[in-house]
Amino acid sequence: MGTKVADLEDAHAPWKSVHEKALKNGDRSYIDPATGYTAFTELSHRDRGYCCGNTCRHCPYDYENVGKPEQLKEQAREARMRARERRNKKEEKAADNNDDNDDEST
């Protein structure tokens, strides 16, 4: 496992407890108490499905795409395809449920 930016910072950094609380709440971001900037939680990064290549503090992918734009493009394309497939399946399921409801009402 690679070294994360978070590992290089002070173990008592003020954002650590804020990040943990955000994760427990299922939040996708939090405000860094030291800077006021919005930071994405690990949950947000996992939902994306790949490393964005921006050296994010909570990257769960060990920064695998940092400095690798071609690999990043491919992973982003694959993630978009997976998201599109999930969306289509949801729409098909909803349409099937509507058809079932129409059959019951007649």
C-alpha atoms as a PDB file:
ATOM      1  CA  MET A   1       0.000   0.000   0.000  1.00  0.00           C
ATOM      2  CA  GLY A   2       1.367   3.407  -0.933  1.00  0.00           C
ATOM      3  CA  THR A   3       1.846   6.378   1.316  1.00  0.00           C
ATOM      4  CA  LYS A   4      -1.136   8.691   1.428  1.00  0.00           C
ATOM      5  CA  VAL A   5      -0.979  12.452   1.863  1.00  0.00           C
ATOM      6  CA  ALA A   6      -2.888  11.970   5.110  1.00  0.00           C
ATOM      7  CA  ASP A   7      -0.106   9.703   6.420  1.00  0.00           C
ATOM      8  CA  LEU A   8       2.439  12.446   5.862  1.00  0.00           C
ATOM      9  CA  GLU A   9       0.540  15.034   7.891  1.00  0.00           C
ATOM     10  CA  ASP A  10       0.327  15.462  11.643  1.00  0.00           C
ATOM     11  CA  ALA A  11      -1.531  12.573  13.294  1.00  0.00           C
ATOM     12  CA  HIS A  12      -3.540  15.158  15.255  1.00  0.00           C
ATOM     13  CA  ALA A  13      -4.535  17.281  12.268  1.00  0.00           C
ATOM     14  CA  PRO A  14      -7.869  19.014  12.950  1.00  0.00           C
ATOM     15  CA  TRP A  15      -9.486  17.592   9.807  1.00  0.00           C
ATOM     16  CA  LYS A  16      -9.100  13.963  10.948  1.00  0.00           C
ATOM     17  CA  SER A  17     -11.952  14.053  13.455  1.00  0.00           C
ATOM     18  CA  VAL A  18     -14.117  16.077  11.054  1.00  0.00           C
ATOM     19  CA  HIS A  19     -13.505  13.494   8.321  1.00  0.00           C
ATOM     20  CA  GLU A  20     -14.386  10.609  10.656  1.00  0.00           C
ATOM     21  CA  LYS A  21     -17.625  12.337  11.656  1.00  0.00           C
ATOM     22  CA  ALA A  22     -18.489  12.993   8.010  1.00  0.00           C
ATOM     23  CA  LEU A  23     -17.917   9.317   7.178  1.00  0.00           C
ATOM     24  CA  LYS A  24     -20.153   8.198  10.045  1.00  0.00           C
ATOM     25  CA  ASN A  25     -22.877  10.528   8.750  1.00  0.00           C
ATOM     26  CA  GLY A  26     -22.469   9.268   5.180  1.00  0.00           C
ATOM     27  CA  ASP A  27     -21.383  12.725   4.002  1.00  0.00           C
ATOM     28  CA  ARG A  28     -19.480  13.057   0.743  1.00  0.00           C
ATOM     29  CA  SER A  29     -17.566  16.165   1.806  1.00  0.00           C
ATOM     30  CA  TYR A  30     -16.680  18.314   4.795  1.00  0.00           C
ATOM     31  CA  ILE A  31     -15.198  21.732   5.452  1.00  0.00           C
ATOM     32  CA  ASP A  32     -11.525  21.575   6.450  1.00  0.00           C
ATOM     33  CA  PRO A  33     -11.402  23.466   9.766  1.00  0.00           C
ATOM     34  CA  ALA A  34      -7.888  24.793   9.103  1.00  0.00           C
ATOM     35  CA  THR A  35      -8.453  26.150   5.601  1.00  0.00           C
ATOM     36  CA  GLY A  36     -12.203  26.493   5.114  1.00  0.00           C
ATOM     37  CA  TYR A  37     -11.910  24.517   1.884  1.00  0.00           C
ATOM     38  CA  THR A  38     -14.311  21.726   0.985  1.00  0.00           C
ATOM     39  CA  ALA A  39     -12.680  18.297   1.056  1.00  0.00           C
ATOM     40  CA  PHE A  40     -14.187  15.127  -0.390  1.00  0.00           C
ATOM     41  CA  THR A  41     -14.494  12.171   1.971  1.00  0.00           C
ATOM     42  CA  GLU A  42     -13.210   8.706   1.164  1.00  0.00           C
ATOM     43  CA  LEU A  43     -16.855   7.744   0.502  1.00  0.00           C
ATOM     44  CA  SER A  44     -17.065  10.296  -2.282  1.00  0.00           C
ATOM     45  CA  HIS A  45     -13.905   8.971  -3.903  1.00  0.00           C
ATOM     46  CA  ARG A  46     -15.066   5.350  -3.662  1.00  0.00           C
ATOM     47  CA  ASP A  47     -18.358   6.279  -5.306  1.00  0.00           C
ATOM     48  CA  ARG A  48     -16.441   7.773  -8.241  1.00  0.00           C
ATOM     49  CA  GLY A  49     -14.849   4.379  -8.702  1.00  0.00           C
ATOM     50  CA  TYR A  50     -11.324   5.396  -9.709  1.00  0.00           C
ATOM     51  CA  CYS A  51      -8.447   7.704  -8.778  1.00  0.00           C
ATOM     52  CA  CYS A  52      -8.986  11.158 -10.325  1.00  0.00           C
ATOM     53  CA  GLY A  53      -5.235  11.876 -10.383  1.00  0.00           C
ATOM     54  CA  ASN A  54      -5.443  14.998  -8.199  1.00  0.00           C
ATOM     55  CA  THR A  55      -3.546  13.671  -5.142  1.00  0.00           C
ATOM     56  CA  CYS A  56      -6.666  13.906  -2.963  1.00  0.00           C
ATOM     57  CA  ARG A  57      -6.195  13.661   0.793  1.00  0.00           C
ATOM     58  CA  HIS A  58      -8.563  10.698   1.223  1.00  0.00           C
ATOM     59  CA  CYS A  59      -7.806   8.805  -2.000  1.00  0.00           C
ATOM     60  CA  PRO A  60      -8.664   5.124  -1.426  1.00  0.00           C
ATOM     61  CA  TYR A  61      -6.854   4.118  -4.633  1.00  0.00           C
ATOM     62  CA  ASP A  62      -3.282   4.829  -3.518  1.00  0.00           C
ATOM     63  CA  TYR A  63      -2.976   7.676  -6.056  1.00  0.00           C
ATOM     64  CA  GLU A  64      -2.721   5.182  -8.921  1.00  0.00           C
ATOM     65  CA  ASN A  65      -3.526   7.770 -11.605  1.00  0.00           C
ATOM     66  CA  VAL A  66      -1.395  10.687 -10.419  1.00  0.00           C
ATOM     67  CA  GLY A  67       0.768  11.662 -13.382  1.00  0.00           C
ATOM     68  CA  LYS A  68      -0.927   9.106 -15.675  1.00  0.00           C
ATOM     69  CA  PRO A  69      -3.434  11.000 -17.813  1.00  0.00           C
ATOM     70  CA  GLU A  70      -4.041   8.197 -20.327  1.00  0.00           C
ATOM     71  CA  GLN A  71      -4.801   5.647 -17.607  1.00  0.00           C
ATOM     72  CA  LEU A  72      -7.072   8.186 -15.929  1.00  0.00           C
ATOM     73  CA  LYS A  73      -9.009   8.802 -19.148  1.00  0.00           C
ATOM     74  CA  GLU A  74      -9.582   5.070 -19.614  1.00  0.00           C
ATOM     75  CA  GLN A  75     -10.745   4.539 -16.039  1.00  0.00           C
ATOM     76  CA  ALA A  76     -13.055   7.549 -16.251  1.00  0.00           C
ATOM     77  CA  ARG A  77     -14.573   6.191 -19.470  1.00  0.00           C
ATOM     78  CA  GLU A  78     -15.120   2.785 -17.860  1.00  0.00           C
ATOM     79  CA  ALA A  79     -16.704   4.381 -14.782  1.00  0.00           C
ATOM     80  CA  ARG A  80     -19.100   6.392 -16.972  1.00  0.00           C
ATOM     81  CA  MET A  81     -20.090   3.202 -18.800  1.00  0.00           C
ATOM     82  CA  ARG A  82     -20.757   1.384 -15.499  1.00  0.00           C
ATOM     83  CA  ALA A  83     -22.841   4.323 -14.241  1.00  0.00           C
ATOM     84  CA  ARG A  84     -24.829   4.377 -17.493  1.00  0.00           C
ATOM     85  CA  GLU A  85     -25.499   0.621 -17.195  1.00  0.00           C
ATOM     86  CA  ARG A  86     -26.683   1.025 -13.592  1.00  0.00           C
ATOM     87  CA  ARG A  87     -28.955   3.903 -14.600  1.00  0.00           C
ATOM     88  CA  ASN A  88     -30.419   1.888 -17.490  1.00  0.00           C
ATOM     89  CA  LYS A  89     -31.095  -1.093 -15.217  1.00  0.00           C
ATOM     90  CA  LYS A  90     -32.899   1.162 -12.733  1.00  0.00           C
ATOM     91  CA  GLU A  91     -35.016   2.651 -15.523  1.00  0.00           C
ATOM     92  CA  GLU A  92     -35.858  -0.801 -16.881  1.00  0.00           C
ATOM     93  CA  LYS A  93     -36.838  -2.009 -13.421  1.00  0.00           C
ATOM     94  CA  ALA A  94     -39.024   1.050 -12.879  1.00  0.00           C
ATOM     95  CA  ALA A  95     -40.681   0.502 -16.256  1.00  0.00           C
ATOM     96  CA  ASP A  96     -41.316  -3.176 -15.415  1.00  0.00           C
ATOM     97  CA  ASN A  97     -42.862  -2.167 -12.093  1.00  0.00           C
ATOM     98  CA  ASN A  98     -45.113   0.343 -13.872  1.00  0.00           C
ATOM     99  CA  ASP A  99     -46.194  -2.364 -16.329  1.00  0.00           C
ATOM    100  CA  ASP A 100     -47.004  -4.692 -13.421  1.00  0.00           C
ATOM    101  CA  ASN A 101     -49.071  -1.964 -11.744  1.00  0.00           C
ATOM    102  CA  ASP A 102     -50.964  -1.289 -14.989  1.00  0.00           C
ATOM    103  CA  ASP A 103     -51.798  -5.009 -15.313  1.00  0.00           C
ATOM    104  CA  GLU A 104     -53.156  -5.120 -11.758  1.00  0.00           C
ATOM    105  CA  SER A 105     -55.424  -2.109 -12.263  1.00  0.00           C
ATOM    106  CA  THR A 106     -57.188  -3.506 -15.318  1.00  0.00           C
END
